[in-house]
């Protein structure tokens, strides 16, 4: 629980996409209460605004991973990338708790209209980037698309050290990446939770072990911090790794698997706890550059409702297991 009751009130005074998670994960309201709030994602606030942007053919911004017309435009030379195309919007709506029934027919429309910018591949088959494939696997499972072939891709492309790397398919790396591995295991966890198919559990556990063996923070080769990104928190984090994002995954995995927190998470927990302010909030980090449909959290340096939700539920989970 947030340390200051005013912080709880502040969290509850938020968009339905965030509020229902506060009600469920922090306040412990009855199921019917948070479920009613979650249903409002389709008609109010962030969720409704993104739904209103959907193209008639099922896409957003006319593209799969990038908006139509991006390549060759001045925007392509700017830092970052746009976050407005289909894959990113589906990821947001799914993570915000939108009922898949609201997007009935979208999976079929995307199968007919949407191709990857890479090699013009069909949308629900994925492409060669593990992060992209992880989002597609989870969103396909959510919307009822046939992603069985894509699910089989993950064990087949796991690297020898246990994880995944977006650069491996192009031969630029044979070592796993914290970013790619976290995205992979999150996608596989969502797939299992949404479909009930546990066929990817062993691969997911292997990727989780890759991160746990490094205590979510450190290089295996030198024992030094893997990078400043691990201790810098931002929402939305898009594809970027952080100790907080990783801990949120391990909480989800613990709840699904019915297992207690692994002791090797302790150092990452300390990092998250140290970033917590006396009033129980966390400050927003530097946003990832790129065009968005609209802002969904606080500016850099100000208290972040999303980070405060995530940080509080991670610490609550960890502390409850030790009580």
Protein backbone atom coordinates (compact mmCIF):
# COMPACT_ATOMS: atom_id res chain seq x y z
CA UNK A 1 0.00 0.00 0.00
CA UNK A 2 1.19 3.54 -0.71
CA UNK A 3 2.50 5.13 2.49
CA UNK A 4 0.34 8.25 2.32
CA UNK A 5 -3.48 7.94 2.06
CA UNK A 6 -3.42 11.04 -0.11
CA UNK A 7 -1.28 9.12 -2.59
CA UNK A 8 -3.91 6.39 -2.78
CA UNK A 9 -6.58 9.01 -3.47
CA UNK A 10 -4.32 10.54 -6.12
CA UNK A 11 -3.89 7.15 -7.79
CA UNK A 12 -7.63 6.53 -7.74
CA UNK A 13 -8.27 9.93 -9.32
CA UNK A 14 -7.03 8.68 -12.66
CA UNK A 15 -7.96 7.26 -16.04
CA UNK A 16 -9.95 3.98 -15.91
CA UNK A 17 -7.00 2.20 -17.57
CA UNK A 18 -4.97 2.85 -14.43
CA UNK A 19 -7.70 3.13 -11.79
CA UNK A 20 -8.97 -0.44 -12.14
CA UNK A 21 -5.47 -1.77 -11.48
CA UNK A 22 -5.16 0.41 -8.38
CA UNK A 23 -8.49 -0.94 -7.16
CA UNK A 24 -7.52 -4.56 -7.81
CA UNK A 25 -3.82 -4.59 -6.89
CA UNK A 26 -3.48 -1.96 -4.16
CA UNK A 27 -6.86 -1.25 -2.57
CA UNK A 28 -8.33 -4.73 -2.74
CA UNK A 29 -11.83 -3.72 -3.82
CA UNK A 30 -14.42 -6.42 -4.61
CA UNK A 31 -14.05 -7.97 -8.05
CA UNK A 32 -17.24 -6.41 -9.35
CA UNK A 33 -15.91 -2.94 -8.50
CA UNK A 34 -12.62 -3.09 -10.38
CA UNK A 35 -14.20 -5.03 -13.23
CA UNK A 36 -16.78 -2.27 -13.67
CA UNK A 37 -13.98 0.29 -13.78
CA UNK A 38 -12.06 -1.80 -16.30
CA UNK A 39 -15.13 -1.95 -18.55
CA UNK A 40 -14.98 1.86 -18.78
CA UNK A 41 -11.64 1.65 -20.65
CA UNK A 42 -13.65 1.13 -23.85
CA UNK A 43 -15.76 4.24 -23.41
CA UNK A 44 -13.68 6.76 -21.46
CA UNK A 45 -10.22 8.24 -21.38
CA UNK A 46 -7.10 6.75 -22.92
CA UNK A 47 -8.71 3.58 -24.22
CA UNK A 48 -11.62 5.33 -25.91
CA UNK A 49 -9.27 7.87 -27.48
CA UNK A 50 -7.12 5.14 -29.03
CA UNK A 51 -10.15 3.20 -30.24
CA UNK A 52 -11.38 6.33 -32.01
CA UNK A 53 -8.11 6.43 -33.98
CA UNK A 54 -8.53 2.98 -35.54
CA UNK A 55 -8.57 2.87 -39.35
CA UNK A 56 -11.52 1.20 -41.12
CA UNK A 57 -9.23 -1.68 -42.18
CA UNK A 58 -8.33 -2.43 -38.55
CA UNK A 59 -4.93 -0.77 -38.44
CA UNK A 60 -3.74 2.34 -36.67
CA UNK A 61 -1.80 5.02 -38.56
CA UNK A 62 -1.87 2.80 -41.64
CA UNK A 63 1.05 0.61 -40.57
CA UNK A 64 2.16 -2.42 -38.57
CA UNK A 65 5.15 -1.19 -36.54
CA UNK A 66 5.61 2.21 -38.18
CA UNK A 67 2.98 4.61 -39.49
CA UNK A 68 2.35 4.77 -43.22
CA UNK A 69 4.81 7.03 -45.03
CA UNK A 70 7.38 6.94 -42.24
CA UNK A 71 10.35 5.69 -44.28
CA UNK A 72 11.82 8.43 -46.42
CA UNK A 73 10.11 11.14 -44.38
CA UNK A 74 11.95 13.76 -42.27
CA UNK A 75 10.59 12.01 -39.19
CA UNK A 76 12.68 8.93 -40.00
CA UNK A 77 15.84 10.96 -39.35
CA UNK A 78 14.69 12.12 -35.92
CA UNK A 79 15.59 10.36 -32.64
CA UNK A 80 13.39 7.51 -31.57
CA UNK A 81 10.43 6.35 -33.59
CA UNK A 82 6.68 7.02 -33.71
CA UNK A 83 4.59 5.01 -31.23
CA UNK A 84 1.26 5.31 -33.04
CA UNK A 85 1.09 2.31 -35.39
CA UNK A 86 -0.92 -0.88 -34.92
CA UNK A 87 1.49 -2.95 -32.83
CA UNK A 88 2.03 -0.25 -30.22
CA UNK A 89 -1.66 0.60 -29.93
CA UNK A 90 -2.68 -3.03 -29.48
CA UNK A 91 0.01 -3.43 -26.81
CA UNK A 92 -1.32 -0.41 -24.91
CA UNK A 93 -4.98 -1.40 -25.16
CA UNK A 94 -4.23 -4.95 -24.05
CA UNK A 95 -2.13 -3.85 -21.10
CA UNK A 96 -4.76 -1.28 -20.10
CA UNK A 97 -7.31 -4.08 -19.78
CA UNK A 98 -9.58 -3.44 -22.75
CA UNK A 99 -12.06 -6.27 -23.28
CA UNK A 100 -11.03 -8.01 -26.51
CA UNK A 101 -14.71 -8.23 -27.48
CA UNK A 102 -14.63 -4.48 -28.12
CA UNK A 103 -12.25 -5.19 -31.02
CA UNK A 104 -14.29 -8.07 -32.44
CA UNK A 105 -13.32 -8.60 -36.07
CA UNK A 106 -10.04 -6.71 -35.76
CA UNK A 107 -7.90 -9.86 -35.90
CA UNK A 108 -9.46 -10.85 -39.23
CA UNK A 109 -9.19 -7.34 -40.61
CA UNK A 110 -5.51 -7.17 -39.71
CA UNK A 111 -4.91 -10.57 -41.28
CA UNK A 112 -6.30 -9.12 -44.51
CA UNK A 113 -4.88 -5.59 -44.41
CA UNK A 114 -1.73 -5.46 -42.31
CA UNK A 115 1.76 -6.53 -43.43
CA UNK A 116 5.06 -6.02 -41.67
CA UNK A 117 7.37 -3.35 -43.01
CA UNK A 118 10.04 -6.07 -42.95
CA UNK A 119 9.70 -8.22 -46.10
CA UNK A 120 5.94 -7.55 -46.35
CA UNK A 121 5.26 -10.54 -44.08
CA UNK A 122 1.69 -11.28 -42.89
CA UNK A 123 0.89 -9.63 -39.58
CA UNK A 124 -0.07 -12.55 -37.35
CA UNK A 125 2.91 -14.60 -38.50
CA UNK A 126 5.29 -12.10 -36.94
CA UNK A 127 8.69 -11.21 -38.40
CA UNK A 128 12.32 -11.66 -37.28
CA UNK A 129 12.54 -9.28 -34.32
CA UNK A 130 11.87 -11.03 -31.00
CA UNK A 131 10.45 -7.93 -29.32
CA UNK A 132 8.01 -7.36 -32.18
CA UNK A 133 7.09 -11.04 -32.14
CA UNK A 134 6.46 -10.96 -28.39
CA UNK A 135 3.95 -8.12 -28.71
CA UNK A 136 2.29 -9.86 -31.66
CA UNK A 137 2.07 -13.18 -29.83
CA UNK A 138 0.36 -11.58 -26.83
CA UNK A 139 -1.98 -9.39 -28.87
CA UNK A 140 -2.90 -12.26 -31.16
CA UNK A 141 -3.76 -14.47 -28.20
CA UNK A 142 -5.83 -11.61 -26.76
CA UNK A 143 -7.78 -11.03 -29.98
CA UNK A 144 -8.20 -14.70 -30.86
CA UNK A 145 -5.89 -14.77 -33.89
CA UNK A 146 -4.12 -17.96 -34.91
CA UNK A 147 -0.61 -17.42 -33.54
CA UNK A 148 0.34 -21.08 -33.03
CA UNK A 149 3.17 -20.88 -35.56
CA UNK A 150 4.47 -17.71 -33.95
CA UNK A 151 4.40 -19.35 -30.51
CA UNK A 152 6.69 -22.09 -31.82
CA UNK A 153 9.15 -19.42 -32.98
CA UNK A 154 10.27 -18.56 -29.44
CA UNK A 155 11.83 -21.85 -28.30
CA UNK A 156 13.39 -22.26 -31.75
CA UNK A 157 15.13 -18.86 -31.54
CA UNK A 158 16.31 -18.95 -27.95
CA UNK A 159 20.05 -18.41 -27.70
CA UNK A 160 22.58 -20.69 -26.04
CA UNK A 161 22.88 -18.50 -22.92
CA UNK A 162 19.16 -18.80 -22.26
CA UNK A 163 17.59 -15.60 -23.54
CA UNK A 164 16.87 -13.72 -26.75
CA UNK A 165 18.32 -10.79 -28.68
CA UNK A 166 16.66 -8.73 -31.41
CA UNK A 167 20.02 -8.49 -33.17
CA UNK A 168 20.61 -12.24 -33.31
CA UNK A 169 18.60 -12.77 -36.50
CA UNK A 170 20.89 -10.45 -38.41
CA UNK A 171 24.02 -12.12 -37.05
CA UNK A 172 25.05 -9.09 -35.03
CA UNK A 173 25.02 -10.87 -31.69
CA UNK A 174 25.07 -14.34 -30.21
CA UNK A 175 24.47 -13.15 -26.65
CA UNK A 176 21.12 -12.44 -25.10
CA UNK A 177 19.85 -8.96 -24.31
CA UNK A 178 18.09 -7.83 -21.14
CA UNK A 179 15.61 -5.82 -23.22
CA UNK A 180 14.80 -8.60 -25.69
CA UNK A 181 14.63 -11.33 -23.07
CA UNK A 182 12.23 -9.40 -20.86
CA UNK A 183 9.99 -8.64 -23.83
CA UNK A 184 10.07 -12.31 -24.86
CA UNK A 185 9.12 -13.69 -21.45
CA UNK A 186 6.39 -11.08 -21.03
CA UNK A 187 4.89 -12.05 -24.36
CA UNK A 188 5.00 -15.74 -23.54
CA UNK A 189 3.48 -15.17 -20.11
CA UNK A 190 0.61 -13.18 -21.64
CA UNK A 191 0.10 -15.94 -24.22
CA UNK A 192 -0.15 -18.61 -21.51
CA UNK A 193 -2.47 -16.53 -19.35
CA UNK A 194 -4.78 -15.70 -22.26
CA UNK A 195 -4.91 -19.13 -23.92
CA UNK A 196 -4.19 -21.56 -21.09
CA UNK A 197 -1.52 -23.18 -23.30
CA UNK A 198 1.56 -23.92 -21.19
CA UNK A 199 3.70 -25.16 -24.10
CA UNK A 200 5.99 -22.15 -23.80
CA UNK A 201 6.46 -22.37 -20.06
CA UNK A 202 9.84 -24.10 -20.20
CA UNK A 203 11.21 -21.53 -22.65
CA UNK A 204 9.80 -18.72 -20.52
CA UNK A 205 11.34 -20.14 -17.37
CA UNK A 206 14.66 -20.39 -19.19
CA UNK A 207 14.53 -16.73 -20.15
CA UNK A 208 13.55 -15.78 -16.62
CA UNK A 209 16.53 -17.76 -15.31
CA UNK A 210 18.78 -15.74 -17.65
CA UNK A 211 17.60 -12.55 -15.92
CA UNK A 212 17.59 -14.05 -12.42
CA UNK A 213 21.15 -15.33 -12.78
CA UNK A 214 22.13 -11.70 -13.37
CA UNK A 215 19.91 -10.52 -10.50
CA UNK A 216 18.04 -8.34 -13.03
CA UNK A 217 20.88 -5.82 -12.96
CA UNK A 218 24.35 -7.12 -13.71
CA UNK A 219 26.49 -8.40 -16.54
CA UNK A 220 27.49 -12.05 -16.25
CA UNK A 221 30.99 -11.29 -17.56
CA UNK A 222 32.02 -8.48 -15.19
CA UNK A 223 29.37 -8.29 -12.48
CA UNK A 224 28.93 -4.59 -13.22
CA UNK A 225 25.62 -2.82 -13.82
CA UNK A 226 24.33 -3.79 -17.26
CA UNK A 227 23.54 -0.15 -18.05
CA UNK A 228 21.97 2.97 -16.59
CA UNK A 229 18.70 1.99 -18.25
CA UNK A 230 18.23 -0.72 -15.62
CA UNK A 231 17.80 1.82 -12.82
CA UNK A 232 15.94 4.53 -14.75
CA UNK A 233 12.19 4.18 -14.72
CA UNK A 234 9.75 5.64 -17.24
CA UNK A 235 6.18 5.03 -18.33
CA UNK A 236 5.43 4.03 -21.02
CA UNK A 237 8.66 2.07 -21.24
CA UNK A 238 7.74 0.68 -24.71
CA UNK A 239 10.49 -1.87 -25.41
CA UNK A 240 13.03 -0.66 -22.86
CA UNK A 241 14.22 -2.75 -19.94
CA UNK A 242 14.32 -1.59 -16.34
CA UNK A 243 14.52 -3.35 -13.00
CA UNK A 244 11.01 -2.11 -12.25
CA UNK A 245 9.55 -3.48 -15.48
CA UNK A 246 11.32 -6.80 -14.86
CA UNK A 247 10.03 -7.04 -11.31
CA UNK A 248 6.50 -6.36 -12.52
CA UNK A 249 6.89 -9.33 -14.85
CA UNK A 250 8.22 -11.58 -12.10
CA UNK A 251 5.25 -10.62 -9.94
CA UNK A 252 2.89 -11.59 -12.77
CA UNK A 253 4.76 -14.84 -13.33
CA UNK A 254 4.71 -15.67 -9.62
CA UNK A 255 0.95 -15.19 -9.49
CA UNK A 256 0.36 -17.35 -12.57
CA UNK A 257 2.84 -20.08 -11.61
CA UNK A 258 1.89 -20.10 -7.92
CA UNK A 259 5.49 -19.67 -6.80
CA UNK A 260 7.08 -17.35 -4.21
CA UNK A 261 9.45 -14.52 -5.19
CA UNK A 262 12.96 -15.66 -6.03
CA UNK A 263 15.57 -14.43 -3.53
CA UNK A 264 17.75 -13.21 -6.39
CA UNK A 265 15.29 -10.35 -6.93
CA UNK A 266 16.31 -8.72 -3.65
CA UNK A 267 18.87 -6.32 -5.11
CA UNK A 268 16.46 -5.06 -7.76
CA UNK A 269 13.80 -4.62 -5.07
CA UNK A 270 16.26 -2.45 -3.14
CA UNK A 271 16.79 -0.28 -6.23
CA UNK A 272 13.05 0.22 -6.65
CA UNK A 273 12.52 0.90 -2.96
CA UNK A 274 15.32 3.48 -2.93
CA UNK A 275 13.63 5.42 -5.74
CA UNK A 276 10.40 5.71 -3.78
CA UNK A 277 9.72 9.15 -2.34
CA UNK A 278 8.50 9.67 1.25
CA UNK A 279 4.92 10.15 0.05
CA UNK A 280 5.01 6.79 -1.74
CA UNK A 281 5.38 8.10 -5.28
CA UNK A 282 7.98 7.55 -8.00
CA UNK A 283 9.12 10.29 -10.37
CA UNK A 284 8.77 10.05 -14.12
CA UNK A 285 11.97 9.44 -16.06
CA UNK A 286 12.99 10.69 -19.50
CA UNK A 287 10.33 9.66 -22.05
CA UNK A 288 11.45 7.66 -25.06
CA UNK A 289 11.53 10.06 -28.02
CA UNK A 290 8.94 9.71 -30.75
CA UNK A 291 5.48 10.79 -31.78
CA UNK A 292 2.52 9.61 -29.70
CA UNK A 293 -1.23 9.97 -30.07
CA UNK A 294 -1.37 11.74 -26.70
CA UNK A 295 0.37 11.76 -23.32
CA UNK A 296 -0.66 9.15 -20.76
CA UNK A 297 1.52 10.09 -17.79
CA UNK A 298 3.33 12.94 -16.10
CA UNK A 299 6.19 14.95 -17.62
CA UNK A 300 9.76 14.05 -16.71
CA UNK A 301 10.65 14.80 -13.10
CA UNK A 302 7.07 14.87 -11.84
CA UNK A 303 5.28 12.17 -9.83
CA UNK A 304 4.09 9.38 -12.11
CA UNK A 305 0.83 7.62 -11.39
CA UNK A 306 1.80 4.65 -13.57
CA UNK A 307 5.21 4.16 -11.99
CA UNK A 308 3.67 4.57 -8.54
CA UNK A 309 1.10 1.88 -9.29
CA UNK A 310 3.74 -0.52 -10.60
CA UNK A 311 6.31 0.21 -7.90
CA UNK A 312 3.78 -0.10 -5.09
CA UNK A 313 2.33 -3.39 -6.26
CA UNK A 314 5.81 -4.88 -6.73
CA UNK A 315 6.90 -3.92 -3.21
CA UNK A 316 3.56 -5.03 -1.74
CA UNK A 317 3.96 -8.44 -3.39
CA UNK A 318 7.56 -8.81 -2.21
CA UNK A 319 6.91 -7.62 1.35
CA UNK A 320 3.79 -9.76 1.75
CA UNK A 321 5.80 -12.87 0.85
CA UNK A 322 8.18 -12.07 3.71
CA UNK A 323 5.62 -11.07 6.28
